[in-house]
C-alpha atoms as a PDB file:
ATOM      1  CA  MET A   1      -0.166  -0.206  -0.205  1.00  0.00           C
ATOM      2  CA  ASP A   2       3.343   2.019   0.549  1.00  0.00           C
ATOM      3  CA  GLY A   3       1.499   4.264   3.271  1.00  0.00           C
ATOM      4  CA  ALA A   4      -1.514   4.820   1.922  1.00  0.00           C
ATOM      5  CA  ARG A   5      -4.132   4.914   4.199  1.00  0.00           C
ATOM      6  CA  TRP A   6      -7.663   3.003   4.284  1.00  0.00           C
ATOM      7  CA  LYS A   7     -10.933   5.226   6.324  1.00  0.00           C
ATOM      8  CA  LYS A   8     -11.450   3.390   8.878  1.00  0.00           C
ATOM      9  CA  GLY A   9     -15.369   2.664   8.650  1.00  0.00           C
ATOM     10  CA  SER A  10     -16.368   3.431   5.848  1.00  0.00           C
ATOM     11  CA  GLY A  11     -18.647   0.525   4.823  1.00  0.00           C
ATOM     12  CA  LEU A  12     -22.344  -0.111   5.479  1.00  0.00           C
ATOM     13  CA  LEU A  13     -22.313   0.495   9.307  1.00  0.00           C
ATOM     14  CA  GLY A  14     -20.023   3.160   9.638  1.00  0.00           C
ATOM     15  CA  GLY A  15     -19.141   5.840   6.933  1.00  0.00           C
ATOM     16  CA  SER A  16     -20.315   6.030   3.420  1.00  0.00           C
ATOM     17  CA  ILE A  17     -18.736   5.635   0.040  1.00  0.00           C
ATOM     18  CA  LEU A  18     -18.363   9.437  -0.777  1.00  0.00           C
ATOM     19  CA  ALA A  19     -16.044   9.744   1.949  1.00  0.00           C
ATOM     20  CA  TRP A  20     -13.938   7.117   0.652  1.00  0.00           C
ATOM     21  CA  THR A  21     -10.113   7.366  -0.908  1.00  0.00           C
ATOM     22  CA  PRO A  22      -8.930   7.013  -4.491  1.00  0.00           C
ATOM     23  CA  LEU A  23      -7.449   3.603  -2.988  1.00  0.00           C
ATOM     24  CA  GLN A  24     -10.768   2.731  -1.563  1.00  0.00           C
ATOM     25  CA  ARG A  25     -12.254   3.668  -5.077  1.00  0.00           C
ATOM     26  CA  LEU A  26     -10.175   1.921  -8.007  1.00  0.00           C
ATOM     27  CA  PRO A  27     -11.118  -1.700  -7.227  1.00  0.00           C
ATOM     28  CA  LEU A  28     -14.573  -0.740  -7.998  1.00  0.00           C
ATOM     29  CA  TRP A  29     -13.636  -0.203 -11.443  1.00  0.00           C
ATOM     30  CA  TYR A  30     -10.472  -1.341 -12.818  1.00  0.00           C
ATOM     31  CA  LEU A  31     -10.757  -4.618 -11.038  1.00  0.00           C
ATOM     32  CA  PRO A  32     -12.188  -6.454 -14.038  1.00  0.00           C
ATOM     33  CA  PRO A  33     -13.713 -10.033 -12.296  1.00  0.00           C
ATOM     34  CA  PRO A  34     -15.783  -8.307  -9.531  1.00  0.00           C
ATOM     35  CA  CYS A  35     -17.144  -5.247 -11.786  1.00  0.00           C
ATOM     36  CA  PHE A  36     -20.599  -4.774 -12.464  1.00  0.00           C
ATOM     37  CA  GLN A  37     -19.917  -2.855 -15.743  1.00  0.00           C
ATOM     38  CA  LEU A  38     -18.968  -7.142 -17.197  1.00  0.00           C
ATOM     39  CA  TRP A  39     -22.674  -8.408 -16.127  1.00  0.00           C
ATOM     40  CA  ILE A  40     -25.128  -6.098 -18.013  1.00  0.00           C
ATOM     41  CA  ILE A  41     -24.673  -7.600 -21.253  1.00  0.00           C
ATOM     42  CA  PRO A  42     -25.149 -11.397 -20.107  1.00  0.00           C
ATOM     43  CA  SER A  43     -27.710  -9.895 -17.952  1.00  0.00           C
ATOM     44  CA  ILE A  44     -29.767  -8.707 -21.094  1.00  0.00           C
ATOM     45  CA  LEU A  45     -28.808 -11.685 -22.839  1.00  0.00           C
ATOM     46  CA  GLY A  46     -29.890 -14.512 -19.729  1.00  0.00           C
ATOM     47  CA  SER A  47     -33.244 -12.403 -19.757  1.00  0.00           C
ATOM     48  CA  SER A  48     -33.008 -12.377 -23.679  1.00  0.00           C
ATOM     49  CA  ASN A  49     -33.263 -15.907 -23.220  1.00  0.00           C
ATOM     50  CA  LEU A  50     -35.916 -16.078 -21.085  1.00  0.00           C
ATOM     51  CA  TYR A  51     -38.181 -14.185 -22.462  1.00  0.00           C
ATOM     52  CA  PHE A  52     -37.683 -16.303 -26.121  1.00  0.00           C
ATOM     53  CA  LEU A  53     -37.752 -19.496 -24.131  1.00  0.00           C
ATOM     54  CA  SER A  54     -41.507 -18.479 -22.517  1.00  0.00           C
ATOM     55  CA  ASP A  55     -44.093 -20.272 -23.661  1.00  0.00           C
ATOM     56  CA  ASP A  56     -47.148 -18.295 -21.908  1.00  0.00           C
ATOM     57  CA  HIS A  57     -48.001 -15.041 -20.804  1.00  0.00           C
ATOM     58  CA  TRP A  58     -46.381 -15.672 -17.368  1.00  0.00           C
ATOM     59  CA  GLU A  59     -44.087 -16.789 -18.405  1.00  0.00           C
ATOM     60  CA  THR A  60     -43.234 -14.058 -20.745  1.00  0.00           C
ATOM     61  CA  VAL A  61     -44.064 -11.382 -17.379  1.00  0.00           C
ATOM     62  CA  SER A  62     -41.884 -13.325 -15.386  1.00  0.00           C
ATOM     63  CA  ALA A  63     -39.265 -13.248 -18.111  1.00  0.00           C
ATOM     64  CA  TRP A  64     -39.686  -9.175 -18.005  1.00  0.00           C
ATOM     65  CA  VAL A  65     -40.319  -9.121 -14.498  1.00  0.00           C
ATOM     66  CA  TYR A  66     -36.737 -11.119 -13.475  1.00  0.00           C
ATOM     67  CA  GLY A  67     -34.903  -9.689 -16.948  1.00  0.00           C
ATOM     68  CA  LEU A  68     -35.461  -5.708 -15.656  1.00  0.00           C
ATOM     69  CA  GLY A  69     -34.364  -6.780 -11.852  1.00  0.00           C
ATOM     70  CA  LEU A  70     -31.272  -8.621 -13.499  1.00  0.00           C
ATOM     71  CA  CYS A  71     -30.073  -5.542 -16.135  1.00  0.00           C
ATOM     72  CA  GLY A  72     -30.881  -3.093 -13.677  1.00  0.00           C
ATOM     73  CA  LEU A  73     -29.487  -3.691 -10.239  1.00  0.00           C
ATOM     74  CA  PHE A  74     -26.392  -4.089 -12.822  1.00  0.00           C
ATOM     75  CA  VAL A  75     -26.582  -0.648 -14.550  1.00  0.00           C
ATOM     76  CA  VAL A  76     -27.656   1.131 -11.825  1.00  0.00           C
ATOM     77  CA  SER A  77     -24.724   0.272  -9.691  1.00  0.00           C
ATOM     78  CA  THR A  78     -22.087   0.318 -12.329  1.00  0.00           C
ATOM     79  CA  VAL A  79     -23.559   4.264 -13.387  1.00  0.00           C
ATOM     80  CA  PHE A  80     -22.949   5.086  -9.762  1.00  0.00           C
ATOM     81  CA  HIS A  81     -19.362   3.800  -9.150  1.00  0.00           C
ATOM     82  CA  THR A  82     -18.389   4.904 -12.371  1.00  0.00           C
ATOM     83  CA  ILE A  83     -19.732   8.571 -11.325  1.00  0.00           C
ATOM     84  CA  SER A  84     -18.409   8.176  -7.934  1.00  0.00           C
ATOM     85  CA  TRP A  85     -14.429   6.891  -9.405  1.00  0.00           C
ATOM     86  CA  LYS A  86     -15.068   9.537 -12.748  1.00  0.00           C
ATOM     87  CA  LYS A  87     -16.954  12.962 -11.038  1.00  0.00           C
ATOM     88  CA  SER A  88     -15.771  12.554  -7.198  1.00  0.00           C
ATOM     89  CA  HIS A  89     -17.018  16.323  -7.401  1.00  0.00           C
ATOM     90  CA  LEU A  90     -20.327  15.852  -8.739  1.00  0.00           C
ATOM     91  CA  ARG A  91     -21.265  15.323  -4.984  1.00  0.00           C
ATOM     92  CA  THR A  92     -25.471  15.661  -5.539  1.00  0.00           C
ATOM     93  CA  VAL A  93     -25.485  13.496  -8.518  1.00  0.00           C
ATOM     94  CA  GLU A  94     -23.348  11.084  -6.110  1.00  0.00           C
ATOM     95  CA  HIS A  95     -25.663  11.161  -4.411  1.00  0.00           C
ATOM     96  CA  CYS A  96     -29.080  10.492  -5.499  1.00  0.00           C
ATOM     97  CA  LEU A  97     -27.036   7.788  -7.798  1.00  0.00           C
ATOM     98  CA  HIS A  98     -26.338   6.093  -4.581  1.00  0.00           C
ATOM     99  CA  MET A  99     -30.156   5.974  -3.122  1.00  0.00           C
ATOM    100  CA  SER A 100     -30.916   4.467  -6.290  1.00  0.00           C
ATOM    101  CA  ASP A 101     -27.749   1.849  -6.084  1.00  0.00           C
ATOM    102  CA  ARG A 102     -29.674   1.171  -2.239  1.00  0.00           C
ATOM    103  CA  MET A 103     -33.198   1.511  -3.544  1.00  0.00           C
ATOM    104  CA  VAL A 104     -33.020  -1.210  -6.677  1.00  0.00           C
ATOM    105  CA  ILE A 105     -31.467  -3.682  -4.675  1.00  0.00           C
ATOM    106  CA  TYR A 106     -35.064  -4.381  -2.917  1.00  0.00           C
ATOM    107  CA  PHE A 107     -36.398  -4.669  -6.439  1.00  0.00           C
ATOM    108  CA  PHE A 108     -34.451  -7.159  -7.351  1.00  0.00           C
ATOM    109  CA  ILE A 109     -34.659  -9.170  -4.600  1.00  0.00           C
ATOM    110  CA  ALA A 110     -38.448  -8.972  -6.058  1.00  0.00           C
ATOM    111  CA  ALA A 111     -37.975  -9.198  -8.864  1.00  0.00           C
ATOM    112  CA  SER A 112     -35.805 -12.888  -8.080  1.00  0.00           C
ATOM    113  CA  TYR A 113     -38.398 -14.660  -6.541  1.00  0.00           C
ATOM    114  CA  ALA A 114     -41.115 -13.361  -8.833  1.00  0.00           C
ATOM    115  CA  PRO A 115     -40.052 -16.372 -11.585  1.00  0.00           C
ATOM    116  CA  TRP A 116     -40.377 -18.534  -8.382  1.00  0.00           C
ATOM    117  CA  LEU A 117     -43.676 -16.859  -7.166  1.00  0.00           C
ATOM    118  CA  ASN A 118     -45.542 -17.178 -10.444  1.00  0.00           C
ATOM    119  CA  LEU A 119     -44.394 -20.459 -12.162  1.00  0.00           C
ATOM    120  CA  ARG A 120     -43.803 -22.744  -9.493  1.00  0.00           C
ATOM    121  CA  GLU A 121     -47.333 -24.528  -7.551  1.00  0.00           C
ATOM    122  CA  LEU A 122     -47.084 -23.014  -3.840  1.00  0.00           C
ATOM    123  CA  GLY A 123     -49.454 -23.228  -0.974  1.00  0.00           C
ATOM    124  CA  PRO A 124     -51.826 -20.746  -0.322  1.00  0.00           C
ATOM    125  CA  TRP A 125     -49.423 -18.353   0.899  1.00  0.00           C
ATOM    126  CA  ALA A 126     -48.414 -18.264  -2.590  1.00  0.00           C
ATOM    127  CA  SER A 127     -50.835 -15.629  -3.896  1.00  0.00           C
ATOM    128  CA  HIS A 128     -49.917 -13.405  -1.465  1.00  0.00           C
ATOM    129  CA  MET A 129     -46.160 -13.392  -1.373  1.00  0.00           C
ATOM    130  CA  ARG A 130     -46.435 -12.652  -4.854  1.00  0.00           C
ATOM    131  CA  TRP A 131     -47.486  -9.013  -4.230  1.00  0.00           C
ATOM    132  CA  LEU A 132     -46.162  -8.827  -0.501  1.00  0.00           C
ATOM    133  CA  VAL A 133     -42.516  -8.911  -2.013  1.00  0.00           C
ATOM    134  CA  TRP A 134     -43.802  -5.604  -3.795  1.00  0.00           C
ATOM    135  CA  ILE A 135     -45.155  -3.606  -1.096  1.00  0.00           C
ATOM    136  CA  MET A 136     -41.642  -4.628   1.012  1.00  0.00           C
ATOM    137  CA  ALA A 137     -39.691  -3.365  -2.183  1.00  0.00           C
ATOM    138  CA  SER A 138     -41.636  -0.281  -1.800  1.00  0.00           C
ATOM    139  CA  VAL A 139     -41.142   0.310   1.888  1.00  0.00           C
ATOM    140  CA  GLY A 140     -37.677  -0.508   1.346  1.00  0.00           C
ATOM    141  CA  THR A 141     -37.675   2.407  -1.059  1.00  0.00           C
ATOM    142  CA  VAL A 142     -39.166   4.993   0.903  1.00  0.00           C
ATOM    143  CA  TYR A 143     -36.675   4.343   3.689  1.00  0.00           C
ATOM    144  CA  VAL A 144     -34.467   4.475   1.681  1.00  0.00           C
ATOM    145  CA  PHE A 145     -35.134   7.611   0.589  1.00  0.00           C
ATOM    146  CA  PHE A 146     -35.950   9.442   3.866  1.00  0.00           C
ATOM    147  CA  PHE A 147     -33.217   7.256   6.500  1.00  0.00           C
ATOM    148  CA  HIS A 148     -29.882   6.435   3.641  1.00  0.00           C
ATOM    149  CA  GLU A 149     -26.822   6.063   5.193  1.00  0.00           C
ATOM    150  CA  ARG A 150     -28.545   6.799   9.059  1.00  0.00           C
ATOM    151  CA  TYR A 151     -29.403   3.734  10.450  1.00  0.00           C
ATOM    152  CA  LYS A 152     -26.710   1.105   9.123  1.00  0.00           C
ATOM    153  CA  LEU A 153     -27.695  -1.481  11.135  1.00  0.00           C
ATOM    154  CA  VAL A 154     -31.694  -1.839  10.171  1.00  0.00           C
ATOM    155  CA  GLU A 155     -30.540  -1.209   6.614  1.00  0.00           C
ATOM    156  CA  LEU A 156     -28.485  -3.754   6.808  1.00  0.00           C
ATOM    157  CA  LEU A 157     -32.074  -5.810   8.081  1.00  0.00           C
ATOM    158  CA  CYS A 158     -34.468  -4.490   5.733  1.00  0.00           C
ATOM    159  CA  TYR A 159     -32.423  -6.478   3.161  1.00  0.00           C
ATOM    160  CA  VAL A 160     -32.009  -9.553   5.028  1.00  0.00           C
ATOM    161  CA  VAL A 161     -35.671  -9.842   5.609  1.00  0.00           C
ATOM    162  CA  MET A 162     -36.342  -8.553   2.436  1.00  0.00           C
ATOM    163  CA  GLY A 163     -33.972 -11.497   0.990  1.00  0.00           C
ATOM    164  CA  PHE A 164     -35.061 -14.898   3.170  1.00  0.00           C
ATOM    165  CA  PHE A 165     -38.588 -13.970   4.458  1.00  0.00           C
ATOM    166  CA  PRO A 166     -39.819 -15.272   0.739  1.00  0.00           C
ATOM    167  CA  ALA A 167     -37.931 -18.065   0.782  1.00  0.00           C
ATOM    168  CA  LEU A 168     -39.903 -19.856   3.891  1.00  0.00           C
ATOM    169  CA  VAL A 169     -43.173 -19.944   1.363  1.00  0.00           C
ATOM    170  CA  ILE A 170     -40.396 -20.906  -1.589  1.00  0.00           C
ATOM    171  CA  LEU A 171     -39.453 -23.537   0.692  1.00  0.00           C
ATOM    172  CA  SER A 172     -43.363 -25.287   0.921  1.00  0.00           C
ATOM    173  CA  MET A 173     -43.307 -25.591  -2.890  1.00  0.00           C
ATOM    174  CA  PRO A 174     -43.842 -29.641  -3.491  1.00  0.00           C
ATOM    175  CA  ASN A 175     -41.451 -29.731  -6.456  1.00  0.00           C
ATOM    176  CA  THR A 176     -38.359 -29.177  -4.634  1.00  0.00           C
ATOM    177  CA  GLU A 177     -36.242 -29.151  -8.192  1.00  0.00           C
ATOM    178  CA  GLY A 178     -33.626 -25.917  -7.511  1.00  0.00           C
ATOM    179  CA  ILE A 179     -34.076 -25.558  -3.868  1.00  0.00           C
ATOM    180  CA  TRP A 180     -30.459 -26.421  -3.268  1.00  0.00           C
ATOM    181  CA  GLU A 181     -28.928 -23.481  -5.989  1.00  0.00           C
ATOM    182  CA  LEU A 182     -31.989 -20.990  -4.298  1.00  0.00           C
ATOM    183  CA  VAL A 183     -30.101 -21.538  -0.956  1.00  0.00           C
ATOM    184  CA  THR A 184     -26.711 -22.118  -3.057  1.00  0.00           C
ATOM    185  CA  GLY A 185     -27.403 -18.264  -4.319  1.00  0.00           C
ATOM    186  CA  GLY A 186     -27.759 -17.135  -0.835  1.00  0.00           C
ATOM    187  CA  VAL A 187     -24.726 -18.607  -0.266  1.00  0.00           C
ATOM    188  CA  PHE A 188     -22.530 -16.395  -2.192  1.00  0.00           C
ATOM    189  CA  TYR A 189     -25.082 -13.455  -1.135  1.00  0.00           C
ATOM    190  CA  CYS A 190     -24.534 -13.649   3.192  1.00  0.00           C
ATOM    191  CA  LEU A 191     -20.546 -14.757   2.322  1.00  0.00           C
ATOM    192  CA  GLY A 192     -20.231 -11.321   0.348  1.00  0.00           C
ATOM    193  CA  MET A 193     -22.115  -9.592   3.498  1.00  0.00           C
ATOM    194  CA  VAL A 194     -18.546  -9.904   5.286  1.00  0.00           C
ATOM    195  CA  PHE A 195     -16.870  -8.010   3.396  1.00  0.00           C
ATOM    196  CA  PHE A 196     -19.893  -5.870   2.112  1.00  0.00           C
ATOM    197  CA  LYS A 197     -19.558  -4.786   6.156  1.00  0.00           C
ATOM    198  CA  SER A 198     -16.225  -4.165   5.882  1.00  0.00           C
ATOM    199  CA  ASP A 199     -15.521  -1.758   3.740  1.00  0.00           C
ATOM    200  CA  GLY A 200     -12.280   0.213   4.519  1.00  0.00           C
ATOM    201  CA  ARG A 201     -11.253  -2.027   7.544  1.00  0.00           C
ATOM    202  CA  ILE A 202     -10.153  -5.391   4.695  1.00  0.00           C
ATOM    203  CA  PRO A 203      -8.766  -3.944   1.000  1.00  0.00           C
ATOM    204  CA  PHE A 204     -10.758  -4.433  -2.278  1.00  0.00           C
ATOM    205  CA  ALA A 205     -13.763  -5.668  -0.001  1.00  0.00           C
ATOM    206  CA  HIS A 206     -16.384  -3.667  -1.847  1.00  0.00           C
ATOM    207  CA  ALA A 207     -15.144  -5.201  -4.813  1.00  0.00           C
ATOM    208  CA  ILE A 208     -14.936  -8.476  -2.952  1.00  0.00           C
ATOM    209  CA  TRP A 209     -18.856  -8.573  -2.229  1.00  0.00           C
ATOM    210  CA  HIS A 210     -19.308  -7.411  -5.743  1.00  0.00           C
ATOM    211  CA  LEU A 211     -17.964 -10.668  -6.863  1.00  0.00           C
ATOM    212  CA  PHE A 212     -20.141 -12.794  -4.608  1.00  0.00           C
ATOM    213  CA  VAL A 213     -23.312 -10.129  -5.893  1.00  0.00           C
ATOM    214  CA  ALA A 214     -21.882 -11.671  -9.628  1.00  0.00           C
ATOM    215  CA  PHE A 215     -22.169 -15.473  -8.181  1.00  0.00           C
ATOM    216  CA  GLY A 216     -25.481 -15.137  -6.288  1.00  0.00           C
ATOM    217  CA  ALA A 217     -27.223 -13.895  -9.005  1.00  0.00           C
ATOM    218  CA  GLY A 218     -25.576 -16.458 -11.884  1.00  0.00           C
ATOM    219  CA  THR A 219     -26.242 -19.191  -9.868  1.00  0.00           C
ATOM    220  CA  HIS A 220     -30.229 -17.965  -8.704  1.00  0.00           C
ATOM    221  CA  TYR A 221     -29.841 -17.408 -12.784  1.00  0.00           C
ATOM    222  CA  TYR A 222     -29.638 -21.163 -13.358  1.00  0.00           C
ATOM    223  CA  ALA A 223     -32.238 -22.443 -10.950  1.00  0.00           C
ATOM    224  CA  ILE A 224     -34.736 -20.068 -13.018  1.00  0.00           C
ATOM    225  CA  TRP A 225     -33.384 -21.295 -16.491  1.00  0.00           C
ATOM    226  CA  ARG A 226     -33.102 -25.282 -15.784  1.00  0.00           C
ATOM    227  CA  TYR A 227     -36.288 -25.340 -13.569  1.00  0.00           C
ATOM    228  CA  LEU A 228     -38.590 -22.737 -14.826  1.00  0.00           C
ATOM    229  CA  TYR A 229     -37.887 -22.923 -18.521  1.00  0.00           C
ATOM    230  CA  LEU A 230     -35.834 -25.094 -19.922  1.00  0.00           C
ATOM    231  CA  PRO A 231     -38.146 -27.961 -19.255  1.00  0.00           C
ATOM    232  CA  SER A 232     -41.312 -26.771 -20.894  1.00  0.00           C
ATOM    233  CA  THR A 233     -39.548 -26.290 -23.711  1.00  0.00           C
ATOM    234  CA  LEU A 234     -37.017 -30.143 -24.258  1.00  0.00           C
ATOM    235  CA  GLN A 235     -41.095 -30.877 -23.514  1.00  0.00           C
ATOM    236  CA  ALA A 236     -42.228 -29.279 -26.378  1.00  0.00           C
ATOM    237  CA  LYS A 237     -39.409 -30.552 -28.126  1.00  0.00           C
ATOM    238  CA  VAL A 238     -39.908 -34.484 -27.084  1.00  0.00           C
ATOM    239  CA  SER A 239     -43.726 -33.768 -28.334  1.00  0.00           C
ATOM    240  CA  LYS A 240     -43.402 -32.362 -31.516  1.00  0.00           C
END
């Protein structure tokens, strides 16, 4: 590091990314593997693939919702981190993008559950959970708007609850195909949160967090493609 000091407590549980040193901002853009901009095109292609594999209205809607959530996560995060690194003097724009970066996570979580809630036969809770996840995402968005960066532990708790609560319904599925992939993706996110909370304490922690998010999103995409969209396509080909 040659004497360069990391600002302590610049992560979710202490301080703000807006106060990061240039050394901390560096890996967000210039370390290729973890960076979100590398995942924009794959997310667009993957979402398009689900759309073309759709056989009915609900599959099409779910593909659109999930695709928008997935692409939105990577696009918003990329724009925010680019502005943070390249245009550090645009503090107002940077602050708005930081809020958007936090808000889009809620909608990404809801969108990730949408295909499972829409396309799988669940229990009686399923019909309610389809809308409840979006209510939770809206509440989280309002919270970020009014209390952004003020109560960091509460903010983290909101993400955890949003991520795990709908899973209780998913785990009740009669068809358990894809469960292990969902769990694996969740483990990636949980491990990534350790680094997310360690900004300023562990070098390149935020970039490592991005890498875990990419792995988690990729694992969940595979589960959606393999168990919700691919079987119907294969069955259609066999019937011909």
